[in-house]
C-alpha atoms as a PDB file:
ATOM      1  CA  MET A   1      50.901 115.330   1.874  1.00  0.00           C
ATOM      2  CA  VAL A   2      53.328 112.521   2.741  1.00  0.00           C
ATOM      3  CA  ARG A   3      51.260 109.999   0.819  1.00  0.00           C
ATOM      4  CA  HIS A   4      51.170 112.181  -2.290  1.00  0.00           C
ATOM      5  CA  LEU A   5      54.676 113.702  -2.210  1.00  0.00           C
ATOM      6  CA  GLY A   6      56.765 111.347  -0.079  1.00  0.00           C
ATOM      7  CA  ARG A   7      58.235 112.033   3.353  1.00  0.00           C
ATOM      8  CA  ARG A   8      61.266 114.098   2.332  1.00  0.00           C
ATOM      9  CA  LEU A   9      59.465 116.417  -0.091  1.00  0.00           C
ATOM     10  CA  ALA A  10      56.540 116.830   2.328  1.00  0.00           C
ATOM     11  CA  ASP A  11      58.905 117.789   5.156  1.00  0.00           C
ATOM     12  CA  VAL A  12      60.737 120.381   3.059  1.00  0.00           C
ATOM     13  CA  LEU A  13      57.454 121.764   1.718  1.00  0.00           C
ATOM     14  CA  LYS A  14      56.149 122.203   5.281  1.00  0.00           C
ATOM     15  CA  GLN A  15      59.379 124.019   6.173  1.00  0.00           C
ATOM     16  CA  ARG A  16      59.108 126.386   3.181  1.00  0.00           C
ATOM     17  CA  LEU A  17      55.449 127.126   3.916  1.00  0.00           C
ATOM     18  CA  THR A  18      56.353 127.900   7.533  1.00  0.00           C
ATOM     19  CA  GLU A  19      59.152 130.233   6.368  1.00  0.00           C
ATOM     20  CA  LEU A  20      56.839 131.992   3.923  1.00  0.00           C
ATOM     21  CA  GLU A  21      54.111 132.408   6.529  1.00  0.00           C
ATOM     22  CA  ALA A  22      56.528 133.754   9.162  1.00  0.00           C
ATOM     23  CA  ALA A  23      58.109 136.295   6.811  1.00  0.00           C
ATOM     24  CA  GLU A  24      57.079 139.924   7.103  1.00  0.00           C
ATOM     25  CA  SER A  25      57.970 140.384   3.438  1.00  0.00           C
ATOM     26  CA  LEU A  26      59.414 138.311   0.626  1.00  0.00           C
ATOM     27  CA  GLU A  27      62.795 139.895   1.372  1.00  0.00           C
ATOM     28  CA  ASP A  28      62.932 137.805   4.572  1.00  0.00           C
ATOM     29  CA  VAL A  29      62.611 134.589   2.559  1.00  0.00           C
ATOM     30  CA  HIS A  30      65.003 135.848  -0.111  1.00  0.00           C
ATOM     31  CA  SER A  31      67.703 136.222   2.560  1.00  0.00           C
ATOM     32  CA  LEU A  32      67.452 132.551   3.639  1.00  0.00           C
ATOM     33  CA  PRO A  33      70.138 130.705   1.611  1.00  0.00           C
ATOM     34  CA  ALA A  34      68.414 127.299   1.741  1.00  0.00           C
ATOM     35  CA  THR A  35      65.287 128.611   0.023  1.00  0.00           C
ATOM     36  CA  ARG A  36      67.172 130.004  -2.997  1.00  0.00           C
ATOM     37  CA  CYS A  37      64.176 132.258  -3.578  1.00  0.00           C
ATOM     38  CA  HIS A  38      64.420 133.663  -7.087  1.00  0.00           C
ATOM     39  CA  GLU A  39      62.449 135.315  -9.855  1.00  0.00           C
ATOM     40  CA  LEU A  40      61.662 133.309 -12.958  1.00  0.00           C
ATOM     41  CA  SER A  41      61.838 134.475 -16.552  1.00  0.00           C
ATOM     42  CA  GLN A  42      60.495 133.853 -20.050  1.00  0.00           C
ATOM     43  CA  ASP A  43      57.087 132.137 -19.937  1.00  0.00           C
ATOM     44  CA  ARG A  44      57.189 132.255 -16.114  1.00  0.00           C
ATOM     45  CA  LYS A  45      57.955 135.985 -15.853  1.00  0.00           C
ATOM     46  CA  GLY A  46      56.219 137.429 -12.799  1.00  0.00           C
ATOM     47  CA  GLN A  47      56.535 134.148 -10.906  1.00  0.00           C
ATOM     48  CA  LEU A  48      59.040 133.175  -8.231  1.00  0.00           C
ATOM     49  CA  ALA A  49      60.354 129.881  -6.919  1.00  0.00           C
ATOM     50  CA  VAL A  50      61.904 128.392  -3.808  1.00  0.00           C
ATOM     51  CA  ASN A  51      63.863 125.159  -3.679  1.00  0.00           C
ATOM     52  CA  LEU A  52      62.228 122.052  -2.326  1.00  0.00           C
ATOM     53  CA  VAL A  53      63.897 118.683  -3.020  1.00  0.00           C
ATOM     54  CA  HIS A  54      65.931 118.880  -6.227  1.00  0.00           C
ATOM     55  CA  PRO A  55      64.625 119.310  -8.880  1.00  0.00           C
ATOM     56  CA  LYS A  56      61.226 120.279  -7.412  1.00  0.00           C
ATOM     57  CA  ARG A  57      60.344 123.927  -6.829  1.00  0.00           C
ATOM     58  CA  LEU A  58      57.433 125.681  -5.137  1.00  0.00           C
ATOM     59  CA  ILE A  59      56.132 128.257  -7.629  1.00  0.00           C
ATOM     60  CA  PHE A  60      54.229 131.360  -6.518  1.00  0.00           C
ATOM     61  CA  LYS A  61      53.577 134.962  -7.467  1.00  0.00           C
ATOM     62  CA  PRO A  62      53.025 138.189  -5.551  1.00  0.00           C
ATOM     63  CA  ASP A  63      49.344 138.562  -4.661  1.00  0.00           C
ATOM     64  CA  HIS A  64      49.203 142.341  -5.078  1.00  0.00           C
ATOM     65  CA  ASP A  65      47.468 144.521  -7.657  1.00  0.00           C
ATOM     66  CA  PRO A  66      49.612 146.181  -8.779  1.00  0.00           C
ATOM     67  CA  VAL A  67      52.733 144.183  -7.957  1.00  0.00           C
ATOM     68  CA  PRO A  68      55.127 146.372  -5.902  1.00  0.00           C
ATOM     69  CA  THR A  69      58.054 147.556  -7.987  1.00  0.00           C
ATOM     70  CA  LYS A  70      61.125 149.717  -7.458  1.00  0.00           C
ATOM     71  CA  LYS A  71      61.874 152.847  -9.486  1.00  0.00           C
ATOM     72  CA  ASP A  72      63.901 150.765 -11.960  1.00  0.00           C
ATOM     73  CA  GLY A  73      60.879 148.513 -12.571  1.00  0.00           C
ATOM     74  CA  GLY A  74      62.234 145.512 -10.673  1.00  0.00           C
ATOM     75  CA  LEU A  75      60.282 143.658  -8.012  1.00  0.00           C
ATOM     76  CA  ASP A  76      60.340 145.379  -4.618  1.00  0.00           C
ATOM     77  CA  TRP A  77      60.900 142.332  -2.428  1.00  0.00           C
ATOM     78  CA  THR A  78      60.460 144.402   0.742  1.00  0.00           C
ATOM     79  CA  ARG A  79      56.854 145.312  -0.174  1.00  0.00           C
ATOM     80  CA  VAL A  80      55.647 141.847  -1.206  1.00  0.00           C
ATOM     81  CA  THR A  81      53.625 140.741   1.816  1.00  0.00           C
ATOM     82  CA  GLN A  82      51.156 138.360   0.158  1.00  0.00           C
ATOM     83  CA  ILE A  83      51.716 135.546  -2.312  1.00  0.00           C
ATOM     84  CA  LEU A  84      49.603 133.135  -4.301  1.00  0.00           C
ATOM     85  CA  ILE A  85      51.012 129.607  -4.498  1.00  0.00           C
ATOM     86  CA  LEU A  86      50.654 128.147  -7.976  1.00  0.00           C
ATOM     87  CA  GLU A  87      52.259 124.706  -8.065  1.00  0.00           C
ATOM     88  CA  ILE A  88      55.046 122.314  -7.194  1.00  0.00           C
ATOM     89  CA  VAL A  89      56.941 121.461 -10.335  1.00  0.00           C
ATOM     90  CA  ASP A  90      60.246 120.524 -11.961  1.00  0.00           C
ATOM     91  CA  TYR A  91      60.468 123.275 -14.596  1.00  0.00           C
ATOM     92  CA  HIS A  92      63.975 122.341 -15.740  1.00  0.00           C
END
């Protein structure tokens, strides 16, 4: 990982993966300010991201069928307990 991404990005990626694995639900990660866990929109609707080393983001999506939603149709962060990691990217 260090060879491919560099030391700093590899270290932050390891930290984010540890946080994601330790979380009981996505709400736990969402409440960590450093992750800046957020939903994406437009062509990435249904995907989420956490900050790595600016401008890189770890992109993932809930690994549920169907995806847990609230009554208003929004993502129910408290019921997302599995994710599928898609990529590391600068989507800006």
